[in-house]
Amino acid sequence: MNVVDKIITLEHKESVRVDPDRLSGLYRQLGDKNALDLLCRTIEELAVRLSNCERFWRRRDWAGLRKCAKSLVAISEQIGMMALARVASDVARSVDAGDAVAAGATLGRLIRVGERSLTAIWDQQDLSV
């Protein structure tokens, strides 16, 4: 048997779900146009902050990473991205614990969940540019 035959590729597939009740509440509270505007701005802001988290990680700016992750929690909860909020909270907790390895691992998961969450809400709302 060749050594190459023993290589296993792991696929990271993160399950995400947008809370439809939270989104429905936003639409009821703000109206269709205002809710859609809020969602578009929020998606853009989440994408920027995910990128910022990664930048803080590369610079080993732990305070910046923690602050950015905590802001992701608040923003994602507002529009019903509960998985994203939970993982962002895990990133902040690993930074608080001083565990750089855990922070890196949870940040990787945050990026995956973030990308899938943004795609899910984009698709669900049929947001077109």
N, C-alpha and C. Protein backbone atom coordinates (compact mmCIF):
# COMPACT_ATOMS: atom_id res chain seq x y z
N MET A 1 0.85 -1.19 0.00
CA MET A 1 0.00 0.00 0.00
C MET A 1 0.89 1.24 0.00
N ASN A 2 0.53 2.15 -0.80
CA ASN A 2 1.24 3.42 -0.92
C ASN A 2 0.82 4.36 0.20
N VAL A 3 1.73 5.15 0.72
CA VAL A 3 1.42 6.10 1.79
C VAL A 3 0.33 7.08 1.34
N VAL A 4 0.34 7.45 0.08
CA VAL A 4 -0.64 8.39 -0.44
C VAL A 4 -2.05 7.84 -0.33
N ASP A 5 -2.19 6.52 -0.37
CA ASP A 5 -3.51 5.90 -0.25
C ASP A 5 -4.15 6.13 1.11
N LYS A 6 -3.37 6.50 2.11
CA LYS A 6 -3.87 6.68 3.46
C LYS A 6 -4.27 8.12 3.77
N ILE A 7 -4.15 9.01 2.82
CA ILE A 7 -4.49 10.41 3.06
C ILE A 7 -6.01 10.58 3.06
N ILE A 8 -6.48 11.22 4.08
CA ILE A 8 -7.91 11.49 4.22
C ILE A 8 -8.11 12.99 4.16
N THR A 9 -9.08 13.41 3.38
CA THR A 9 -9.40 14.83 3.30
C THR A 9 -10.65 15.08 4.14
N LEU A 10 -10.54 16.00 5.06
CA LEU A 10 -11.67 16.36 5.91
C LEU A 10 -12.39 17.55 5.31
N GLU A 11 -13.68 17.46 5.23
CA GLU A 11 -14.48 18.58 4.75
C GLU A 11 -15.16 19.23 5.94
N HIS A 12 -15.00 20.54 6.03
CA HIS A 12 -15.67 21.29 7.09
C HIS A 12 -16.99 21.79 6.54
N LYS A 13 -18.07 21.23 7.03
CA LYS A 13 -19.39 21.71 6.63
C LYS A 13 -20.10 22.17 7.90
N GLU A 14 -20.36 23.41 7.95
CA GLU A 14 -21.01 23.99 9.10
C GLU A 14 -22.50 24.13 8.84
N SER A 15 -23.28 23.69 9.78
CA SER A 15 -24.72 23.82 9.67
C SER A 15 -25.13 25.19 10.22
N VAL A 16 -25.85 25.93 9.43
CA VAL A 16 -26.32 27.23 9.89
C VAL A 16 -27.82 27.33 9.65
N ARG A 17 -28.44 28.14 10.46
CA ARG A 17 -29.87 28.37 10.30
C ARG A 17 -30.15 29.78 10.75
N VAL A 18 -30.93 30.45 9.95
CA VAL A 18 -31.35 31.81 10.30
C VAL A 18 -32.69 31.68 11.00
N ASP A 19 -32.84 32.34 12.13
CA ASP A 19 -34.09 32.28 12.89
C ASP A 19 -35.18 33.05 12.13
N PRO A 20 -36.14 32.33 11.52
CA PRO A 20 -37.16 33.00 10.73
C PRO A 20 -38.07 33.89 11.57
N ASP A 21 -38.26 33.54 12.83
CA ASP A 21 -39.10 34.38 13.71
C ASP A 21 -38.46 35.74 13.94
N ARG A 22 -37.15 35.74 14.11
CA ARG A 22 -36.43 37.00 14.31
C ARG A 22 -36.56 37.87 13.07
N LEU A 23 -36.39 37.26 11.88
CA LEU A 23 -36.51 38.02 10.64
C LEU A 23 -37.93 38.51 10.42
N SER A 24 -38.90 37.67 10.69
CA SER A 24 -40.30 38.08 10.55
C SER A 24 -40.62 39.25 11.47
N GLY A 25 -40.08 39.19 12.67
CA GLY A 25 -40.28 40.28 13.62
C GLY A 25 -39.71 41.59 13.11
N LEU A 26 -38.53 41.52 12.49
CA LEU A 26 -37.94 42.72 11.91
C LEU A 26 -38.82 43.29 10.81
N TYR A 27 -39.34 42.42 9.97
CA TYR A 27 -40.19 42.89 8.87
C TYR A 27 -41.49 43.51 9.40
N ARG A 28 -42.05 42.88 10.44
CA ARG A 28 -43.27 43.44 11.04
C ARG A 28 -43.00 44.79 11.69
N GLN A 29 -41.90 44.86 12.40
CA GLN A 29 -41.56 46.08 13.15
C GLN A 29 -41.14 47.23 12.22
N LEU A 30 -40.36 46.93 11.19
CA LEU A 30 -39.78 47.98 10.36
C LEU A 30 -40.46 48.18 9.02
N GLY A 31 -41.25 47.20 8.59
CA GLY A 31 -41.81 47.25 7.25
C GLY A 31 -40.84 46.63 6.26
N ASP A 32 -41.35 46.25 5.10
CA ASP A 32 -40.54 45.51 4.13
C ASP A 32 -39.30 46.28 3.68
N LYS A 33 -39.48 47.49 3.26
CA LYS A 33 -38.35 48.26 2.71
C LYS A 33 -37.28 48.52 3.78
N ASN A 34 -37.69 48.97 4.94
CA ASN A 34 -36.72 49.27 5.99
C ASN A 34 -36.02 48.02 6.50
N ALA A 35 -36.76 46.92 6.60
CA ALA A 35 -36.14 45.66 7.05
C ALA A 35 -35.12 45.18 6.03
N LEU A 36 -35.46 45.28 4.76
CA LEU A 36 -34.53 44.87 3.72
C LEU A 36 -33.29 45.75 3.73
N ASP A 37 -33.47 47.06 3.91
CA ASP A 37 -32.33 47.97 4.02
C ASP A 37 -31.44 47.58 5.20
N LEU A 38 -32.07 47.30 6.33
CA LEU A 38 -31.32 46.90 7.52
C LEU A 38 -30.54 45.62 7.26
N LEU A 39 -31.17 44.63 6.63
CA LEU A 39 -30.50 43.37 6.34
C LEU A 39 -29.30 43.57 5.41
N CYS A 40 -29.48 44.38 4.39
CA CYS A 40 -28.36 44.63 3.46
C CYS A 40 -27.19 45.29 4.18
N ARG A 41 -27.48 46.29 4.99
CA ARG A 41 -26.41 46.97 5.74
C ARG A 41 -25.76 46.01 6.74
N THR A 42 -26.57 45.19 7.38
CA THR A 42 -26.06 44.26 8.38
C THR A 42 -25.17 43.20 7.75
N ILE A 43 -25.58 42.68 6.61
CA ILE A 43 -24.77 41.67 5.92
C ILE A 43 -23.41 42.26 5.55
N GLU A 44 -23.44 43.47 5.04
CA GLU A 44 -22.19 44.13 4.68
C GLU A 44 -21.31 44.33 5.92
N GLU A 45 -21.91 44.76 7.01
CA GLU A 45 -21.15 44.99 8.24
C GLU A 45 -20.58 43.69 8.80
N LEU A 46 -21.36 42.62 8.74
CA LEU A 46 -20.87 41.33 9.22
C LEU A 46 -19.68 40.86 8.39
N ALA A 47 -19.75 41.02 7.09
CA ALA A 47 -18.65 40.62 6.22
C ALA A 47 -17.38 41.40 6.56
N VAL A 48 -17.52 42.70 6.78
CA VAL A 48 -16.37 43.53 7.13
C VAL A 48 -15.79 43.08 8.46
N ARG A 49 -16.64 42.82 9.43
CA ARG A 49 -16.14 42.45 10.75
C ARG A 49 -15.50 41.06 10.75
N LEU A 50 -16.03 40.15 9.95
CA LEU A 50 -15.38 38.83 9.83
C LEU A 50 -13.97 39.00 9.29
N SER A 51 -13.84 39.84 8.29
CA SER A 51 -12.52 40.13 7.72
C SER A 51 -11.61 40.79 8.76
N ASN A 52 -12.18 41.69 9.54
CA ASN A 52 -11.39 42.36 10.59
C ASN A 52 -10.92 41.36 11.64
N CYS A 53 -11.79 40.43 12.01
CA CYS A 53 -11.38 39.41 12.99
C CYS A 53 -10.17 38.64 12.49
N GLU A 54 -10.21 38.27 11.23
CA GLU A 54 -9.08 37.53 10.66
C GLU A 54 -7.81 38.38 10.66
N ARG A 55 -7.95 39.65 10.34
CA ARG A 55 -6.81 40.57 10.34
C ARG A 55 -6.24 40.72 11.76
N PHE A 56 -7.12 40.86 12.76
CA PHE A 56 -6.65 40.95 14.15
C PHE A 56 -5.91 39.69 14.55
N TRP A 57 -6.41 38.54 14.13
CA TRP A 57 -5.75 37.27 14.45
C TRP A 57 -4.34 37.24 13.87
N ARG A 58 -4.20 37.60 12.59
CA ARG A 58 -2.89 37.58 11.95
C ARG A 58 -1.91 38.52 12.65
N ARG A 59 -2.41 39.64 13.17
CA ARG A 59 -1.55 40.61 13.87
C ARG A 59 -1.35 40.25 15.34
N ARG A 60 -2.04 39.23 15.79
CA ARG A 60 -2.02 38.83 17.21
C ARG A 60 -2.52 39.97 18.10
N ASP A 61 -3.49 40.70 17.58
CA ASP A 61 -4.11 41.79 18.33
C ASP A 61 -5.31 41.20 19.08
N TRP A 62 -5.02 40.67 20.27
CA TRP A 62 -6.05 39.93 21.02
C TRP A 62 -7.19 40.83 21.46
N ALA A 63 -6.88 42.04 21.88
CA ALA A 63 -7.94 42.96 22.32
C ALA A 63 -8.85 43.31 21.13
N GLY A 64 -8.25 43.55 19.98
CA GLY A 64 -9.03 43.86 18.79
C GLY A 64 -9.89 42.68 18.35
N LEU A 65 -9.31 41.48 18.41
CA LEU A 65 -10.06 40.27 18.04
C LEU A 65 -11.24 40.06 18.98
N ARG A 66 -11.00 40.21 20.27
CA ARG A 66 -12.07 40.02 21.24
C ARG A 66 -13.20 41.02 21.02
N LYS A 67 -12.84 42.28 20.85
CA LYS A 67 -13.84 43.33 20.64
C LYS A 67 -14.64 43.08 19.36
N CYS A 68 -13.94 42.71 18.31
CA CYS A 68 -14.61 42.46 17.02
C CYS A 68 -15.54 41.24 17.13
N ALA A 69 -15.09 40.19 17.78
CA ALA A 69 -15.92 38.99 17.95
C ALA A 69 -17.17 39.32 18.77
N LYS A 70 -17.01 40.09 19.84
CA LYS A 70 -18.17 40.48 20.66
C LYS A 70 -19.16 41.32 19.85
N SER A 71 -18.66 42.17 18.97
CA SER A 71 -19.57 42.97 18.15
C SER A 71 -20.32 42.08 17.16
N LEU A 72 -19.68 41.02 16.70
CA LEU A 72 -20.36 40.07 15.82
C LEU A 72 -21.51 39.37 16.54
N VAL A 73 -21.33 39.10 17.83
CA VAL A 73 -22.40 38.47 18.61
C VAL A 73 -23.64 39.35 18.60
N ALA A 74 -23.47 40.61 18.94
CA ALA A 74 -24.61 41.52 19.03
C ALA A 74 -25.30 41.70 17.68
N ILE A 75 -24.52 41.90 16.64
CA ILE A 75 -25.11 42.14 15.32
C ILE A 75 -25.82 40.91 14.79
N SER A 76 -25.19 39.75 14.91
CA SER A 76 -25.79 38.54 14.37
C SER A 76 -27.04 38.12 15.14
N GLU A 77 -27.07 38.35 16.44
CA GLU A 77 -28.29 38.04 17.21
C GLU A 77 -29.45 38.92 16.76
N GLN A 78 -29.16 40.14 16.40
CA GLN A 78 -30.20 41.08 15.99
C GLN A 78 -30.99 40.57 14.80
N ILE A 79 -30.33 39.86 13.88
CA ILE A 79 -31.04 39.40 12.68
C ILE A 79 -31.24 37.89 12.66
N GLY A 80 -31.02 37.24 13.79
CA GLY A 80 -31.36 35.82 13.91
C GLY A 80 -30.31 34.84 13.46
N MET A 81 -29.06 35.25 13.39
CA MET A 81 -27.97 34.34 13.04
C MET A 81 -27.37 33.78 14.32
N MET A 82 -28.09 32.85 14.92
CA MET A 82 -27.72 32.40 16.25
C MET A 82 -26.45 31.55 16.26
N ALA A 83 -26.21 30.75 15.22
CA ALA A 83 -24.98 29.95 15.16
C ALA A 83 -23.77 30.87 15.07
N LEU A 84 -23.88 31.89 14.26
CA LEU A 84 -22.78 32.86 14.12
C LEU A 84 -22.52 33.55 15.46
N ALA A 85 -23.57 33.94 16.15
CA ALA A 85 -23.42 34.58 17.46
C ALA A 85 -22.73 33.65 18.45
N ARG A 86 -23.12 32.39 18.44
CA ARG A 86 -22.55 31.41 19.37
C ARG A 86 -21.06 31.20 19.12
N VAL A 87 -20.68 31.07 17.85
CA VAL A 87 -19.26 30.83 17.53
C VAL A 87 -18.43 32.09 17.79
N ALA A 88 -18.97 33.26 17.50
CA ALA A 88 -18.26 34.51 17.79
C ALA A 88 -18.02 34.63 19.30
N SER A 89 -19.00 34.21 20.07
CA SER A 89 -18.84 34.22 21.53
C SER A 89 -17.74 33.24 21.96
N ASP A 90 -17.65 32.10 21.29
CA ASP A 90 -16.58 31.13 21.58
C ASP A 90 -15.20 31.73 21.29
N VAL A 91 -15.09 32.50 20.21
CA VAL A 91 -13.82 33.15 19.89
C VAL A 91 -13.44 34.11 21.03
N ALA A 92 -14.39 34.93 21.45
CA ALA A 92 -14.11 35.89 22.54
C ALA A 92 -13.70 35.16 23.82
N ARG A 93 -14.38 34.05 24.13
CA ARG A 93 -14.04 33.29 25.34
C ARG A 93 -12.64 32.69 25.26
N SER A 94 -12.26 32.21 24.07
CA SER A 94 -10.92 31.63 23.94
C SER A 94 -9.84 32.70 24.07
N VAL A 95 -10.13 33.91 23.58
CA VAL A 95 -9.20 35.02 23.76
C VAL A 95 -9.10 35.37 25.24
N ASP A 96 -10.25 35.45 25.92
CA ASP A 96 -10.27 35.75 27.36
C ASP A 96 -9.46 34.73 28.16
N ALA A 97 -9.49 33.46 27.70
CA ALA A 97 -8.77 32.40 28.39
C ALA A 97 -7.27 32.42 28.06
N GLY A 98 -6.87 33.26 27.10
CA GLY A 98 -5.47 33.32 26.72
C GLY A 98 -5.02 32.11 25.92
N ASP A 99 -5.96 31.43 25.28
CA ASP A 99 -5.67 30.21 24.53
C ASP A 99 -5.60 30.54 23.04
N ALA A 100 -4.38 30.81 22.54
CA ALA A 100 -4.20 31.21 21.15
C ALA A 100 -4.57 30.09 20.19
N VAL A 101 -4.32 28.85 20.56
CA VAL A 101 -4.65 27.72 19.68
C VAL A 101 -6.17 27.61 19.54
N ALA A 102 -6.87 27.69 20.66
CA ALA A 102 -8.34 27.63 20.61
C ALA A 102 -8.90 28.84 19.87
N ALA A 103 -8.30 30.00 20.06
CA ALA A 103 -8.76 31.20 19.35
C ALA A 103 -8.61 31.01 17.84
N GLY A 104 -7.50 30.44 17.40
CA GLY A 104 -7.30 30.19 15.98
C GLY A 104 -8.29 29.19 15.42
N ALA A 105 -8.53 28.12 16.19
CA ALA A 105 -9.46 27.09 15.73
C ALA A 105 -10.90 27.63 15.67
N THR A 106 -11.30 28.35 16.71
CA THR A 106 -12.66 28.88 16.71
C THR A 106 -12.82 30.01 15.70
N LEU A 107 -11.76 30.74 15.45
CA LEU A 107 -11.82 31.77 14.41
C LEU A 107 -12.03 31.13 13.04
N GLY A 108 -11.33 30.03 12.77
CA GLY A 108 -11.54 29.30 11.52
C GLY A 108 -12.99 28.87 11.38
N ARG A 109 -13.54 28.38 12.46
CA ARG A 109 -14.96 27.98 12.45
C ARG A 109 -15.85 29.20 12.27
N LEU A 110 -15.51 30.31 12.91
CA LEU A 110 -16.29 31.54 12.77
C LEU A 110 -16.34 31.99 11.31
N ILE A 111 -15.23 31.92 10.63
CA ILE A 111 -15.18 32.32 9.22
C ILE A 111 -16.08 31.41 8.39
N ARG A 112 -16.00 30.10 8.62
CA ARG A 112 -16.86 29.16 7.87
C ARG A 112 -18.33 29.40 8.15
N VAL A 113 -18.68 29.52 9.43
CA VAL A 113 -20.08 29.75 9.80
C VAL A 113 -20.54 31.11 9.28
N GLY A 114 -19.68 32.09 9.36
CA GLY A 114 -20.03 33.42 8.87
C GLY A 114 -20.33 33.42 7.39
N GLU A 115 -19.48 32.78 6.61
CA GLU A 115 -19.71 32.73 5.17
C GLU A 115 -21.01 32.01 4.85
N ARG A 116 -21.24 30.89 5.51
CA ARG A 116 -22.48 30.13 5.27
C ARG A 116 -23.71 30.90 5.75
N SER A 117 -23.59 31.61 6.85
CA SER A 117 -24.71 32.38 7.37
C SER A 117 -25.07 33.53 6.44
N LEU A 118 -24.05 34.22 5.96
CA LEU A 118 -24.30 35.33 5.04
C LEU A 118 -24.96 34.83 3.75
N THR A 119 -24.48 33.71 3.26
CA THR A 119 -25.09 33.12 2.07
C THR A 119 -26.52 32.70 2.34
N ALA A 120 -26.77 32.11 3.51
CA ALA A 120 -28.12 31.64 3.84
C ALA A 120 -29.10 32.80 3.91
N ILE A 121 -28.73 33.87 4.55
CA ILE A 121 -29.66 35.00 4.67
C ILE A 121 -29.82 35.70 3.33
N TRP A 122 -28.75 35.76 2.57
CA TRP A 122 -28.81 36.36 1.23
C TRP A 122 -29.79 35.57 0.36
N ASP A 123 -29.64 34.25 0.37
CA ASP A 123 -30.52 33.38 -0.42
C ASP A 123 -31.96 33.42 0.08
N GLN A 124 -32.13 33.39 1.39
CA GLN A 124 -33.47 33.38 1.99
C GLN A 124 -34.24 34.65 1.65
N GLN A 125 -33.55 35.77 1.63
CA GLN A 125 -34.22 37.04 1.37
C GLN A 125 -34.21 37.42 -0.10
N ASP A 126 -33.54 36.58 -0.92
CA ASP A 126 -33.41 36.85 -2.35
C ASP A 126 -32.92 38.28 -2.57
N LEU A 127 -31.84 38.61 -1.89
CA LEU A 127 -31.27 39.95 -1.99
C LEU A 127 -30.45 40.03 -3.27
N SER A 128 -30.80 40.92 -4.14
CA SER A 128 -30.04 41.05 -5.37
C SER A 128 -29.37 42.41 -5.41
N VAL A 129 -28.23 42.43 -6.04
CA VAL A 129 -27.45 43.67 -6.10
C VAL A 129 -27.95 44.53 -7.24
